[in-house]
């Protein structure tokens, strides 16, 4: 299962390595929303939450769907700029339909990009109804966010920008300064490899999960999904992240330039192994559909219906696979009102090996 980025005919200079303040802020916000994914940053997250003004804390919870389960594509710039304000200005230039569609794809499930791309919830009644149905299944706060965004995109966009600007004073500026040297060092290494040894060497240094196809026409990313996109004419942007580890985030939706946010390399014996090795270690997860369900559940609780919609499966099929995961102690079911949400048991998954945890989180 791989994500493939077609780069046939693309000159090497169209592969861009650059740091992005907005992308790193997004990674920080994900840590704050999902600290269980980042145990090495637990103390940092606790300290930030303890020091946040109550109003900002509430705003972050209100908008966390933009970065919790997956990141909204507009938060990972294809053309990074040195300053957060400049990148936010670029986001402001995106039209409402593009912004709202990207936001609701993230809010309603990050694996639905292909299904939303063909129509805008602002103009297509069926797409709007589908988005609201999915948001409702995610909970009252998420449903309210989707409703406000559809009713008044300009007001919600302004509120999200103001929230991100408030983060700069509250914690981002200090954290960005603390990681600047590591990001700059990593970028020098990557750009030197690209210039001296070519695309293959540069990609190999990004992550063990990224490789250049033998014919040199495709970047292959080892993720638990089968997707494809193309970088013809626009190129591919690679953004290093300190706070994003262990995630490997890829913008691949139709109409968006491919962007890869990767964790800055550091000495770590738990470097993710290949999916084949992970599968051999876990006989209980030998079926690829269960691995896909784990990938989605690793990003937050989901109902049976959401999982079926995300992966194009029938409800009985999903129920059978969830039952197997529950028997293995990897998933817990909890009823909330009329919905039953399934949650990944991170401690049990971690006990099976850091390689597995890294594989499903990237």
Protein backbone atom coordinates (compact mmCIF):
# COMPACT_ATOMS: atom_id res chain seq x y z
CA UNK A 1 0.00 0.00 0.00
CA UNK A 2 1.66 3.19 -1.18
CA UNK A 3 1.11 6.80 -2.12
CA UNK A 4 2.71 7.58 -5.48
CA UNK A 5 3.68 11.05 -6.74
CA UNK A 6 4.29 11.16 -10.48
CA UNK A 7 7.35 13.35 -11.25
CA UNK A 8 8.00 12.20 -14.81
CA UNK A 9 9.73 14.95 -16.78
CA UNK A 10 10.11 17.11 -13.68
CA UNK A 11 13.55 18.78 -13.37
CA UNK A 12 15.31 18.27 -10.04
CA UNK A 13 15.09 21.98 -9.21
CA UNK A 14 11.31 21.57 -8.94
CA UNK A 15 11.89 19.49 -5.79
CA UNK A 16 11.95 22.19 -3.13
CA UNK A 17 13.22 21.75 0.44
CA UNK A 18 12.16 24.65 2.68
CA UNK A 19 11.05 25.37 6.25
CA UNK A 20 7.52 26.63 6.90
CA UNK A 21 6.42 28.46 10.06
CA UNK A 22 2.76 27.65 9.35
CA UNK A 23 3.44 23.95 8.79
CA UNK A 24 5.45 23.74 12.03
CA UNK A 25 2.72 25.58 13.94
CA UNK A 26 0.26 23.05 12.54
CA UNK A 27 2.49 20.22 13.80
CA UNK A 28 2.57 21.86 17.24
CA UNK A 29 -1.21 22.19 17.27
CA UNK A 30 -1.52 18.51 16.38
CA UNK A 31 0.72 17.65 19.35
CA UNK A 32 -1.53 19.70 21.62
CA UNK A 33 -4.64 17.96 20.24
CA UNK A 34 -3.16 14.43 20.21
CA UNK A 35 -0.36 14.25 22.82
CA UNK A 36 -0.65 10.47 22.86
CA UNK A 37 0.99 10.41 19.41
CA UNK A 38 4.00 12.29 20.77
CA UNK A 39 5.00 11.01 24.24
CA UNK A 40 8.41 12.70 23.93
CA UNK A 41 6.62 16.07 23.81
CA UNK A 42 4.15 15.41 26.64
CA UNK A 43 5.85 17.82 29.06
CA UNK A 44 5.92 20.55 26.40
CA UNK A 45 2.23 20.05 25.63
CA UNK A 46 1.28 20.09 29.32
CA UNK A 47 3.24 23.31 29.82
CA UNK A 48 1.60 25.02 26.84
CA UNK A 49 -1.93 24.06 27.92
CA UNK A 50 -1.23 25.23 31.47
CA UNK A 51 -0.11 28.65 30.24
CA UNK A 52 -2.76 29.32 27.60
CA UNK A 53 -5.30 32.07 28.18
CA UNK A 54 -8.75 30.44 28.60
CA UNK A 55 -10.13 32.14 25.49
CA UNK A 56 -7.30 30.86 23.28
CA UNK A 57 -7.57 27.36 24.74
CA UNK A 58 -11.26 27.30 23.83
CA UNK A 59 -10.54 28.60 20.33
CA UNK A 60 -7.99 25.82 19.77
CA UNK A 61 -10.48 23.18 20.84
CA UNK A 62 -13.09 24.76 18.59
CA UNK A 63 -10.88 24.55 15.48
CA UNK A 64 -8.82 21.46 16.32
CA UNK A 65 -10.48 19.47 13.54
CA UNK A 66 -8.24 21.33 11.09
CA UNK A 67 -5.16 19.60 12.48
CA UNK A 68 -6.14 16.78 14.82
CA UNK A 69 -6.87 13.69 12.70
CA UNK A 70 -5.21 15.10 9.60
CA UNK A 71 -4.02 18.54 8.56
CA UNK A 72 -6.00 20.82 6.26
CA UNK A 73 -4.09 21.12 2.99
CA UNK A 74 -3.89 24.92 3.19
CA UNK A 75 -1.91 24.62 6.44
CA UNK A 76 1.01 22.99 4.56
CA UNK A 77 2.24 25.65 2.09
CA UNK A 78 3.55 24.58 -1.29
CA UNK A 79 5.63 27.77 -1.32
CA UNK A 80 6.84 28.31 2.25
CA UNK A 81 7.76 31.81 3.40
CA UNK A 82 10.06 32.90 6.23
CA UNK A 83 7.30 34.56 8.26
CA UNK A 84 4.05 33.16 9.64
CA UNK A 85 2.16 36.33 8.75
CA UNK A 86 3.15 36.05 5.09
CA UNK A 87 1.99 32.43 4.93
CA UNK A 88 -1.32 33.37 6.54
CA UNK A 89 -1.68 36.09 3.91
CA UNK A 90 -1.29 33.40 1.25
CA UNK A 91 -4.03 31.36 2.91
CA UNK A 92 -6.28 34.44 2.83
CA UNK A 93 -5.88 34.54 -0.96
CA UNK A 94 -7.48 31.08 -1.36
CA UNK A 95 -11.08 31.34 -2.56
CA UNK A 96 -13.88 30.31 -0.22
CA UNK A 97 -14.84 27.16 -2.11
CA UNK A 98 -11.29 25.80 -2.01
CA UNK A 99 -10.82 26.74 1.65
CA UNK A 100 -14.16 25.32 2.81
CA UNK A 101 -13.75 22.09 0.85
CA UNK A 102 -10.25 21.55 2.26
CA UNK A 103 -11.41 22.34 5.79
CA UNK A 104 -14.39 19.99 5.62
CA UNK A 105 -12.34 17.18 4.09
CA UNK A 106 -10.18 17.37 7.20
CA UNK A 107 -13.07 17.95 9.58
CA UNK A 108 -15.12 15.08 8.19
CA UNK A 109 -12.35 12.54 7.74
CA UNK A 110 -8.94 12.97 6.15
CA UNK A 111 -9.31 10.00 3.82
CA UNK A 112 -12.32 11.47 1.96
CA UNK A 113 -10.29 13.90 -0.19
CA UNK A 114 -11.16 12.25 -3.47
CA UNK A 115 -14.86 12.16 -2.68
CA UNK A 116 -15.09 15.86 -1.82
CA UNK A 117 -12.79 17.15 -4.55
CA UNK A 118 -15.36 16.91 -7.32
CA UNK A 119 -17.87 19.29 -5.73
CA UNK A 120 -17.99 22.14 -3.24
CA UNK A 121 -20.24 21.93 -0.16
CA UNK A 122 -20.87 25.66 -0.66
CA UNK A 123 -22.55 25.15 -4.03
CA UNK A 124 -23.53 21.47 -4.20
CA UNK A 125 -26.43 20.41 -1.99
CA UNK A 126 -25.45 16.74 -1.97
CA UNK A 127 -21.85 17.55 -0.97
CA UNK A 128 -23.14 19.89 1.74
CA UNK A 129 -25.46 17.24 3.17
CA UNK A 130 -22.70 14.63 3.09
CA UNK A 131 -20.30 16.97 4.89
CA UNK A 132 -22.83 17.79 7.61
CA UNK A 133 -23.76 14.12 8.09
CA UNK A 134 -20.11 13.18 8.55
CA UNK A 135 -19.48 16.13 10.86
CA UNK A 136 -22.48 15.18 12.98
CA UNK A 137 -21.08 11.70 13.45
CA UNK A 138 -17.86 13.27 14.76
CA UNK A 139 -19.61 15.07 17.61
CA UNK A 140 -21.51 18.23 18.50
CA UNK A 141 -18.51 20.56 18.46
CA UNK A 142 -17.39 19.34 15.05
CA UNK A 143 -20.93 19.59 13.68
CA UNK A 144 -21.20 23.18 14.95
CA UNK A 145 -17.86 24.09 13.34
CA UNK A 146 -18.97 22.70 9.97
CA UNK A 147 -22.31 24.49 10.17
CA UNK A 148 -20.66 27.86 10.95
CA UNK A 149 -18.12 27.40 8.17
CA UNK A 150 -20.83 26.67 5.61
CA UNK A 151 -23.05 29.51 6.81
CA UNK A 152 -20.37 32.22 7.02
CA UNK A 153 -16.99 31.22 5.55
CA UNK A 154 -15.51 34.71 5.87
CA UNK A 155 -16.20 34.96 9.59
CA UNK A 156 -14.82 31.49 10.35
CA UNK A 157 -11.72 32.11 8.22
CA UNK A 158 -11.02 35.35 10.05
CA UNK A 159 -11.50 33.65 13.42
CA UNK A 160 -9.14 30.79 12.48
CA UNK A 161 -6.47 33.26 11.33
CA UNK A 162 -6.79 35.29 14.53
CA UNK A 163 -6.46 32.08 16.55
CA UNK A 164 -3.25 31.14 14.74
CA UNK A 165 -1.89 34.66 15.26
CA UNK A 166 -2.60 34.42 18.98
CA UNK A 167 -0.61 31.18 19.09
CA UNK A 168 2.50 33.10 18.00
CA UNK A 169 2.65 35.12 21.22
CA UNK A 170 1.39 32.30 23.42
CA UNK A 171 3.91 29.60 22.48
CA UNK A 172 4.83 29.41 18.80
CA UNK A 173 7.48 32.15 18.58
CA UNK A 174 9.52 30.64 21.41
CA UNK A 175 9.18 27.09 20.06
CA UNK A 176 10.02 28.18 16.49
CA UNK A 177 13.21 29.85 17.71
CA UNK A 178 14.19 26.70 19.59
CA UNK A 179 13.97 24.49 16.48
CA UNK A 180 15.30 26.94 13.88
CA UNK A 181 18.89 25.64 13.97
CA UNK A 182 17.82 21.99 13.57
CA UNK A 183 15.58 22.86 10.64
CA UNK A 184 18.29 24.93 8.94
CA UNK A 185 20.84 22.14 9.41
CA UNK A 186 18.50 19.57 7.94
CA UNK A 187 17.72 21.78 4.94
CA UNK A 188 21.42 22.30 4.21
CA UNK A 189 21.92 18.52 4.21
CA UNK A 190 18.94 17.83 1.96
CA UNK A 191 19.74 20.56 -0.56
CA UNK A 192 23.39 19.50 -0.69
CA UNK A 193 22.39 15.88 -1.37
CA UNK A 194 19.94 16.98 -4.04
CA UNK A 195 22.57 19.12 -5.76
CA UNK A 196 25.50 16.67 -5.49
CA UNK A 197 23.94 13.21 -5.58
CA UNK A 198 20.52 13.69 -7.13
CA UNK A 199 16.87 13.09 -6.31
CA UNK A 200 17.25 9.48 -5.12
CA UNK A 201 19.81 10.33 -2.45
CA UNK A 202 17.83 13.33 -1.23
CA UNK A 203 14.63 11.29 -0.92
CA UNK A 204 16.42 8.47 0.87
CA UNK A 205 17.62 10.97 3.48
CA UNK A 206 14.08 12.25 4.10
CA UNK A 207 12.66 8.98 5.45
CA UNK A 208 13.00 5.24 5.11
CA UNK A 209 9.37 5.33 3.97
CA UNK A 210 10.16 7.42 0.85
CA UNK A 211 11.96 6.21 -2.24
CA UNK A 212 12.44 7.01 -5.90
CA UNK A 213 10.90 4.40 -8.20
CA UNK A 214 13.42 2.42 -10.27
CA UNK A 215 12.46 4.27 -13.44
CA UNK A 216 12.94 7.62 -11.69
CA UNK A 217 9.48 8.84 -12.69
CA UNK A 218 7.69 8.45 -9.39
CA UNK A 219 8.16 9.15 -5.68
CA UNK A 220 6.84 6.21 -3.65
CA UNK A 221 5.68 6.84 -0.08
CA UNK A 222 5.08 3.79 2.11
CA UNK A 223 1.77 4.69 3.76
CA UNK A 224 -1.25 2.59 4.65
CA UNK A 225 -3.28 3.81 1.71
CA UNK A 226 -3.37 3.40 -2.05
CA UNK A 227 -3.33 6.89 -3.58
CA UNK A 228 -1.70 8.66 -6.51
CA UNK A 229 -1.09 12.26 -7.54
CA UNK A 230 1.10 14.13 -10.01
CA UNK A 231 3.57 17.00 -9.69
CA UNK A 232 3.73 17.97 -13.36
CA UNK A 233 4.69 21.61 -13.78
CA UNK A 234 4.35 22.57 -10.11
CA UNK A 235 6.93 20.40 -8.40
CA UNK A 236 7.01 18.86 -4.92
CA UNK A 237 7.75 20.71 -1.69
CA UNK A 238 9.43 18.97 1.25
CA UNK A 239 9.05 20.63 4.66
CA UNK A 240 11.11 19.43 7.66
CA UNK A 241 9.46 19.31 11.07
CA UNK A 242 10.72 18.81 14.61
CA UNK A 243 7.30 18.70 16.27
CA UNK A 244 5.80 16.46 13.57
CA UNK A 245 7.73 13.33 14.47
CA UNK A 246 6.81 10.49 13.81
CA UNK A 247 4.23 11.63 11.25
CA UNK A 248 4.92 11.76 7.54
CA UNK A 249 2.21 14.05 6.13
CA UNK A 250 1.51 14.30 2.39
CA UNK A 251 -0.74 16.78 0.57
CA UNK A 252 -2.06 14.78 -2.39
CA UNK A 253 -5.59 16.04 -3.08
CA UNK A 254 -6.54 16.90 -6.66
CA UNK A 255 -5.79 20.52 -7.46
CA UNK A 256 -3.11 20.91 -4.78
CA UNK A 257 0.64 20.85 -5.35
CA UNK A 258 2.13 17.82 -3.59
CA UNK A 259 3.71 18.71 -0.25
CA UNK A 260 5.53 16.34 2.12
CA UNK A 261 6.10 17.27 5.75
CA UNK A 262 8.70 14.93 7.22
CA UNK A 263 10.28 14.52 10.67
CA UNK A 264 13.80 15.91 11.00
CA UNK A 265 16.26 13.05 11.21
CA UNK A 266 17.78 12.25 14.58
CA UNK A 267 19.54 9.21 16.05
CA UNK A 268 16.69 6.84 16.84
CA UNK A 269 16.76 3.03 16.87
CA UNK A 270 13.00 2.98 16.32
CA UNK A 271 13.18 4.24 12.72
CA UNK A 272 10.04 2.89 11.01
CA UNK A 273 10.54 -0.38 9.21
CA UNK A 274 8.75 -1.41 6.05
CA UNK A 275 5.07 -2.31 6.07
CA UNK A 276 6.01 -5.90 5.12
CA UNK A 277 8.03 -6.29 8.33
CA UNK A 278 5.25 -4.82 10.43
CA UNK A 279 2.76 -7.24 8.88
CA UNK A 280 4.99 -10.26 9.63
CA UNK A 281 5.27 -9.20 13.26
CA UNK A 282 1.53 -9.02 13.71
CA UNK A 283 -0.27 -12.12 12.59
CA UNK A 284 -3.45 -10.76 14.13
CA UNK A 285 -3.29 -7.86 11.65
CA UNK A 286 -2.44 -9.87 8.57
CA UNK A 287 -5.43 -8.51 6.66
CA UNK A 288 -4.67 -5.18 4.90
CA UNK A 289 -8.16 -3.82 5.60
CA UNK A 290 -7.49 -4.03 9.34
CA UNK A 291 -4.28 -2.09 8.90
CA UNK A 292 -6.21 0.59 7.04
CA UNK A 293 -8.80 0.76 9.80
CA UNK A 294 -5.99 1.13 12.34
CA UNK A 295 -4.55 4.01 10.35
CA UNK A 296 -7.84 5.87 10.49
CA UNK A 297 -8.47 5.05 14.16
CA UNK A 298 -4.95 6.21 15.05
CA UNK A 299 -6.11 9.71 14.12
CA UNK A 300 -9.18 9.69 16.36
CA UNK A 301 -12.34 7.75 17.30
CA UNK A 302 -14.66 6.80 14.42
CA UNK A 303 -18.03 5.14 14.05
CA UNK A 304 -18.57 2.00 12.02
CA UNK A 305 -20.39 4.08 9.41
CA UNK A 306 -17.53 6.55 9.09
CA UNK A 307 -15.01 3.76 8.60
CA UNK A 308 -17.22 2.13 5.98
CA UNK A 309 -17.59 5.46 4.12
CA UNK A 310 -13.89 6.28 4.33
CA UNK A 311 -12.69 2.99 2.88
CA UNK A 312 -15.66 2.16 0.62
CA UNK A 313 -16.63 -0.97 2.59
CA UNK A 314 -19.93 -2.44 3.68
CA UNK A 315 -21.04 -2.09 7.30
CA UNK A 316 -20.94 -5.88 7.94
CA UNK A 317 -17.41 -6.09 6.53
CA UNK A 318 -16.16 -3.28 8.77
CA UNK A 319 -17.93 -4.81 11.77
CA UNK A 320 -16.18 -8.14 11.22
CA UNK A 321 -12.74 -6.51 11.07
CA UNK A 322 -13.46 -4.33 14.11
CA UNK A 323 -14.48 -7.44 16.05
CA UNK A 324 -11.10 -9.00 15.24
CA UNK A 325 -9.29 -5.86 16.40
CA UNK A 326 -11.32 -5.76 19.61
CA UNK A 327 -10.52 -9.41 20.32
CA UNK A 328 -6.85 -8.52 19.96
CA UNK A 329 -7.30 -5.74 22.50
CA UNK A 330 -6.32 -3.04 20.01
CA UNK A 331 -9.68 -1.27 19.75
CA UNK A 332 -12.31 -0.22 22.28
CA UNK A 333 -15.95 0.57 21.49
CA UNK A 334 -17.82 3.23 23.47
CA UNK A 335 -21.37 4.46 22.99
CA UNK A 336 -22.06 8.19 22.96
CA UNK A 337 -25.73 8.89 22.41
CA UNK A 338 -26.88 7.07 19.29
CA UNK A 339 -23.32 6.60 18.01
CA UNK A 340 -20.82 3.90 18.90
CA UNK A 341 -17.27 5.16 18.44
CA UNK A 342 -14.25 2.88 18.10
CA UNK A 343 -10.98 4.04 19.66
CA UNK A 344 -7.46 2.77 19.10
CA UNK A 345 -5.74 1.61 22.29
CA UNK A 346 -2.40 3.37 21.87
CA UNK A 347 -0.63 1.72 24.87
CA UNK A 348 -1.41 -1.76 23.55
CA UNK A 349 -0.27 -0.79 20.08
CA UNK A 350 2.95 0.70 21.47
CA UNK A 351 3.62 -2.50 23.42
CA UNK A 352 3.63 -4.41 20.15
CA UNK A 353 6.51 -2.29 18.89
CA UNK A 354 7.40 1.28 18.02
CA UNK A 355 7.75 0.26 14.39
CA UNK A 356 4.04 -0.52 14.21
CA UNK A 357 3.05 2.70 15.96
CA UNK A 358 5.20 4.75 13.60
CA UNK A 359 3.81 2.92 10.57
CA UNK A 360 0.17 3.65 11.35
CA UNK A 361 0.82 7.24 12.41
CA UNK A 362 2.79 8.33 9.38
